Amino acid sequence: MKKTFKLEELDCANCAAKMERAINELPDVTSATVNFMAQKLVIEIPDEKFDATMKLV
């Protein structure tokens, strides 16, 4: 499952990069991209693991 989330008050590109790295290290995350300019997080997690993994984010 691929979902897009709007991020609020993301102040710097370095913070966005750190967030992206940390989310990509979570178990079952297929991919995660944080776009600082668009203030968005796009995350992909297998459907059956989505709810459990999102509790960690």
PDB file of N, CA and C in Angstrom:
ATOM      1  N   MET A   1       0.857  -1.163   0.000  1.00  0.00           N
ATOM      2  CA  MET A   1       0.000   0.000   0.000  1.00  0.00           C
ATOM      3  C   MET A   1       0.907   1.231   0.000  1.00  0.00           C
ATOM      4  N   LYS A   2       0.587   2.172  -0.847  1.00  0.00           N
ATOM      5  CA  LYS A   2       1.340   3.418  -0.941  1.00  0.00           C
ATOM      6  C   LYS A   2       0.430   4.559  -0.512  1.00  0.00           C
ATOM      7  N   LYS A   3       0.904   5.357   0.440  1.00  0.00           N
ATOM      8  CA  LYS A   3       0.107   6.485   0.940  1.00  0.00           C
ATOM      9  C   LYS A   3       0.955   7.741   0.964  1.00  0.00           C
ATOM     10  N   THR A   4       0.288   8.880   0.823  1.00  0.00           N
ATOM     11  CA  THR A   4       0.934  10.185   0.882  1.00  0.00           C
ATOM     12  C   THR A   4       0.358  10.956   2.056  1.00  0.00           C
ATOM     13  N   PHE A   5       1.266  11.557   2.833  1.00  0.00           N
ATOM     14  CA  PHE A   5       0.861  12.343   3.994  1.00  0.00           C
ATOM     15  C   PHE A   5       1.402  13.758   3.876  1.00  0.00           C
ATOM     16  N   LYS A   6       0.612  14.727   4.259  1.00  0.00           N
ATOM     17  CA  LYS A   6       1.029  16.125   4.309  1.00  0.00           C
ATOM     18  C   LYS A   6       1.748  16.351   5.632  1.00  0.00           C
ATOM     19  N   LEU A   7       2.939  16.911   5.575  1.00  0.00           N
ATOM     20  CA  LEU A   7       3.710  17.211   6.776  1.00  0.00           C
ATOM     21  C   LEU A   7       3.533  18.687   7.118  1.00  0.00           C
ATOM     22  N   GLU A   8       3.456  18.987   8.393  1.00  0.00           N
ATOM     23  CA  GLU A   8       3.313  20.373   8.829  1.00  0.00           C
ATOM     24  C   GLU A   8       4.533  20.780   9.635  1.00  0.00           C
ATOM     25  N   GLU A   9       4.958  22.005   9.459  1.00  0.00           N
ATOM     26  CA  GLU A   9       6.052  22.606  10.210  1.00  0.00           C
ATOM     27  C   GLU A   9       7.372  21.853  10.067  1.00  0.00           C
ATOM     28  N   LEU A  10       7.641  21.344   8.877  1.00  0.00           N
ATOM     29  CA  LEU A  10       8.940  20.736   8.584  1.00  0.00           C
ATOM     30  C   LEU A  10       9.868  21.880   8.207  1.00  0.00           C
ATOM     31  N   ASP A  11      10.808  22.197   9.093  1.00  0.00           N
ATOM     32  CA  ASP A  11      11.575  23.439   8.991  1.00  0.00           C
ATOM     33  C   ASP A  11      12.827  23.396   8.115  1.00  0.00           C
ATOM     34  N   CYS A  12      13.447  22.223   7.972  1.00  0.00           N
ATOM     35  CA  CYS A  12      14.702  22.226   7.210  1.00  0.00           C
ATOM     36  C   CYS A  12      14.868  20.948   6.400  1.00  0.00           C
ATOM     37  N   ALA A  13      15.631  21.051   5.335  1.00  0.00           N
ATOM     38  CA  ALA A  13      15.877  19.920   4.449  1.00  0.00           C
ATOM     39  C   ALA A  13      16.664  18.827   5.167  1.00  0.00           C
ATOM     40  N   ASN A  14      17.561  19.217   6.059  1.00  0.00           N
ATOM     41  CA  ASN A  14      18.338  18.237   6.810  1.00  0.00           C
ATOM     42  C   ASN A  14      17.423  17.395   7.701  1.00  0.00           C
ATOM     43  N   CYS A  15      16.462  18.015   8.324  1.00  0.00           N
ATOM     44  CA  CYS A  15      15.499  17.292   9.159  1.00  0.00           C
ATOM     45  C   CYS A  15      14.680  16.316   8.299  1.00  0.00           C
ATOM     46  N   ALA A  16      14.293  16.750   7.122  1.00  0.00           N
ATOM     47  CA  ALA A  16      13.538  15.895   6.206  1.00  0.00           C
ATOM     48  C   ALA A  16      14.363  14.675   5.816  1.00  0.00           C
ATOM     49  N   ALA A  17      15.654  14.868   5.551  1.00  0.00           N
ATOM     50  CA  ALA A  17      16.536  13.758   5.174  1.00  0.00           C
ATOM     51  C   ALA A  17      16.700  12.776   6.334  1.00  0.00           C
ATOM     52  N   LYS A  18      16.849  13.287   7.541  1.00  0.00           N
ATOM     53  CA  LYS A  18      16.965  12.418   8.714  1.00  0.00           C
ATOM     54  C   LYS A  18      15.684  11.612   8.922  1.00  0.00           C
ATOM     55  N   MET A  19      14.546  12.262   8.744  1.00  0.00           N
ATOM     56  CA  MET A  19      13.261  11.597   8.899  1.00  0.00           C
ATOM     57  C   MET A  19      13.120  10.479   7.856  1.00  0.00           C
ATOM     58  N   GLU A  20      13.475  10.782   6.623  1.00  0.00           N
ATOM     59  CA  GLU A  20      13.382   9.799   5.545  1.00  0.00           C
ATOM     60  C   GLU A  20      14.255   8.574   5.844  1.00  0.00           C
ATOM     61  N   ARG A  21      15.501   8.806   6.272  1.00  0.00           N
ATOM     62  CA  ARG A  21      16.403   7.694   6.603  1.00  0.00           C
ATOM     63  C   ARG A  21      15.830   6.835   7.729  1.00  0.00           C
ATOM     64  N   ALA A  22      15.333   7.476   8.766  1.00  0.00           N
ATOM     65  CA  ALA A  22      14.794   6.748   9.915  1.00  0.00           C
ATOM     66  C   ALA A  22      13.571   5.912   9.532  1.00  0.00           C
ATOM     67  N   ILE A  23      12.685   6.463   8.731  1.00  0.00           N
ATOM     68  CA  ILE A  23      11.481   5.730   8.323  1.00  0.00           C
ATOM     69  C   ILE A  23      11.855   4.559   7.432  1.00  0.00           C
ATOM     70  N   ASN A  24      12.820   4.741   6.541  1.00  0.00           N
ATOM     71  CA  ASN A  24      13.251   3.651   5.666  1.00  0.00           C
ATOM     72  C   ASN A  24      13.899   2.503   6.438  1.00  0.00           C
ATOM     73  N   GLU A  25      14.381   2.751   7.636  1.00  0.00           N
ATOM     74  CA  GLU A  25      14.997   1.703   8.457  1.00  0.00           C
ATOM     75  C   GLU A  25      13.978   0.895   9.254  1.00  0.00           C
ATOM     76  N   LEU A  26      12.723   1.343   9.286  1.00  0.00           N
ATOM     77  CA  LEU A  26      11.687   0.605  10.014  1.00  0.00           C
ATOM     78  C   LEU A  26      11.397  -0.722   9.324  1.00  0.00           C
ATOM     79  N   PRO A  27      11.066  -1.754  10.118  1.00  0.00           N
ATOM     80  CA  PRO A  27      10.740  -3.045   9.510  1.00  0.00           C
ATOM     81  C   PRO A  27       9.499  -2.931   8.623  1.00  0.00           C
ATOM     82  N   ASP A  28       9.524  -3.638   7.520  1.00  0.00           N
ATOM     83  CA  ASP A  28       8.404  -3.738   6.569  1.00  0.00           C
ATOM     84  C   ASP A  28       8.178  -2.502   5.700  1.00  0.00           C
ATOM     85  N   VAL A  29       8.964  -1.438   5.853  1.00  0.00           N
ATOM     86  CA  VAL A  29       8.826  -0.278   4.975  1.00  0.00           C
ATOM     87  C   VAL A  29       9.542  -0.594   3.668  1.00  0.00           C
ATOM     88  N   THR A  30       8.778  -0.607   2.568  1.00  0.00           N
ATOM     89  CA  THR A  30       9.346  -0.873   1.253  1.00  0.00           C
ATOM     90  C   THR A  30      10.095   0.356   0.765  1.00  0.00           C
ATOM     91  N   SER A  31       9.489   1.523   0.922  1.00  0.00           N
ATOM     92  CA  SER A  31      10.149   2.782   0.563  1.00  0.00           C
ATOM     93  C   SER A  31       9.450   3.944   1.253  1.00  0.00           C
ATOM     94  N   ALA A  32      10.241   4.976   1.501  1.00  0.00           N
ATOM     95  CA  ALA A  32       9.705   6.204   2.083  1.00  0.00           C
ATOM     96  C   ALA A  32      10.486   7.371   1.509  1.00  0.00           C
ATOM     97  N   THR A  33       9.773   8.389   1.099  1.00  0.00           N
ATOM     98  CA  THR A  33      10.388   9.588   0.546  1.00  0.00           C
ATOM     99  C   THR A  33       9.769  10.803   1.214  1.00  0.00           C
ATOM    100  N   VAL A  34      10.622  11.676   1.738  1.00  0.00           N
ATOM    101  CA  VAL A  34      10.157  12.931   2.323  1.00  0.00           C
ATOM    102  C   VAL A  34      10.578  14.047   1.386  1.00  0.00           C
ATOM    103  N   ASN A  35       9.598  14.799   0.902  1.00  0.00           N
ATOM    104  CA  ASN A  35       9.876  15.922   0.018  1.00  0.00           C
ATOM    105  C   ASN A  35       9.745  17.200   0.836  1.00  0.00           C
ATOM    106  N   PHE A  36      10.884  17.830   1.118  1.00  0.00           N
ATOM    107  CA  PHE A  36      10.893  19.032   1.947  1.00  0.00           C
ATOM    108  C   PHE A  36      10.109  20.167   1.301  1.00  0.00           C
ATOM    109  N   MET A  37      10.321  20.408   0.036  1.00  0.00           N
ATOM    110  CA  MET A  37       9.664  21.536  -0.638  1.00  0.00           C
ATOM    111  C   MET A  37       8.145  21.358  -0.695  1.00  0.00           C
ATOM    112  N   ALA A  38       7.690  20.148  -0.947  1.00  0.00           N
ATOM    113  CA  ALA A  38       6.251  19.891  -1.037  1.00  0.00           C
ATOM    114  C   ALA A  38       5.639  19.574   0.327  1.00  0.00           C
ATOM    115  N   GLN A  39       6.490  19.396   1.352  1.00  0.00           N
ATOM    116  CA  GLN A  39       6.018  19.069   2.703  1.00  0.00           C
ATOM    117  C   GLN A  39       5.174  17.792   2.691  1.00  0.00           C
ATOM    118  N   LYS A  40       5.710  16.733   2.003  1.00  0.00           N
ATOM    119  CA  LYS A  40       4.970  15.479   1.881  1.00  0.00           C
ATOM    120  C   LYS A  40       5.846  14.285   2.222  1.00  0.00           C
ATOM    121  N   LEU A  41       5.203  13.264   2.758  1.00  0.00           N
ATOM    122  CA  LEU A  41       5.813  11.961   2.992  1.00  0.00           C
ATOM    123  C   LEU A  41       5.057  10.959   2.136  1.00  0.00           C
ATOM    124  N   VAL A  42       5.772  10.218   1.310  1.00  0.00           N
ATOM    125  CA  VAL A  42       5.185   9.121   0.541  1.00  0.00           C
ATOM    126  C   VAL A  42       5.813   7.852   1.088  1.00  0.00           C
ATOM    127  N   ILE A  43       4.979   6.954   1.572  1.00  0.00           N
ATOM    128  CA  ILE A  43       5.463   5.730   2.202  1.00  0.00           C
ATOM    129  C   ILE A  43       4.770   4.524   1.583  1.00  0.00           C
ATOM    130  N   GLU A  44       5.550   3.464   1.391  1.00  0.00           N
ATOM    131  CA  GLU A  44       5.004   2.229   0.827  1.00  0.00           C
ATOM    132  C   GLU A  44       5.319   1.078   1.782  1.00  0.00           C
ATOM    133  N   ILE A  45       4.261   0.378   2.168  1.00  0.00           N
ATOM    134  CA  ILE A  45       4.340  -0.730   3.118  1.00  0.00           C
ATOM    135  C   ILE A  45       3.380  -1.808   2.608  1.00  0.00           C
ATOM    136  N   PRO A  46       3.754  -3.093   2.725  1.00  0.00           N
ATOM    137  CA  PRO A  46       2.807  -4.145   2.323  1.00  0.00           C
ATOM    138  C   PRO A  46       1.465  -3.986   3.053  1.00  0.00           C
ATOM    139  N   ASP A  47       0.383  -4.244   2.336  1.00  0.00           N
ATOM    140  CA  ASP A  47      -0.970  -4.039   2.875  1.00  0.00           C
ATOM    141  C   ASP A  47      -1.183  -4.677   4.243  1.00  0.00           C
ATOM    142  N   GLU A  48      -0.758  -5.925   4.395  1.00  0.00           N
ATOM    143  CA  GLU A  48      -1.028  -6.650   5.639  1.00  0.00           C
ATOM    144  C   GLU A  48      -0.205  -6.129   6.821  1.00  0.00           C
ATOM    145  N   LYS A  49       0.839  -5.356   6.557  1.00  0.00           N
ATOM    146  CA  LYS A  49       1.707  -4.828   7.618  1.00  0.00           C
ATOM    147  C   LYS A  49       1.492  -3.334   7.857  1.00  0.00           C
ATOM    148  N   PHE A  50       0.633  -2.712   7.047  1.00  0.00           N
ATOM    149  CA  PHE A  50       0.520  -1.256   7.056  1.00  0.00           C
ATOM    150  C   PHE A  50       0.141  -0.680   8.417  1.00  0.00           C
ATOM    151  N   ASP A  51      -0.935  -1.139   9.008  1.00  0.00           N
ATOM    152  CA  ASP A  51      -1.410  -0.563  10.276  1.00  0.00           C
ATOM    153  C   ASP A  51      -0.381  -0.704  11.402  1.00  0.00           C
ATOM    154  N   ALA A  52       0.200  -1.887  11.520  1.00  0.00           N
ATOM    155  CA  ALA A  52       1.193  -2.121  12.576  1.00  0.00           C
ATOM    156  C   ALA A  52       2.426  -1.255  12.380  1.00  0.00           C
ATOM    157  N   THR A  53       2.876  -1.112  11.151  1.00  0.00           N
ATOM    158  CA  THR A  53       4.081  -0.316  10.869  1.00  0.00           C
ATOM    159  C   THR A  53       3.812   1.173  11.079  1.00  0.00           C
ATOM    160  N   MET A  54       2.637   1.651  10.693  1.00  0.00           N
ATOM    161  CA  MET A  54       2.330   3.070  10.856  1.00  0.00           C
ATOM    162  C   MET A  54       2.279   3.491  12.316  1.00  0.00           C
ATOM    163  N   LYS A  55       2.031   2.571  13.220  1.00  0.00           N
ATOM    164  CA  LYS A  55       2.052   2.891  14.644  1.00  0.00           C
ATOM    165  C   LYS A  55       3.458   3.257  15.085  1.00  0.00           C
ATOM    166  N   LEU A  56       4.473   2.797  14.355  1.00  0.00           N
ATOM    167  CA  LEU A  56       5.880   3.096  14.677  1.00  0.00           C
ATOM    168  C   LEU A  56       6.322   4.443  14.122  1.00  0.00           C
ATOM    169  N   VAL A  57       5.632   4.928  13.132  1.00  0.00           N
ATOM    170  CA  VAL A  57       6.052   6.182  12.467  1.00  0.00           C
ATOM    171  C   VAL A  57       5.686   7.333  13.283  1.00  0.00           C
TER     172      VAL A  57
END
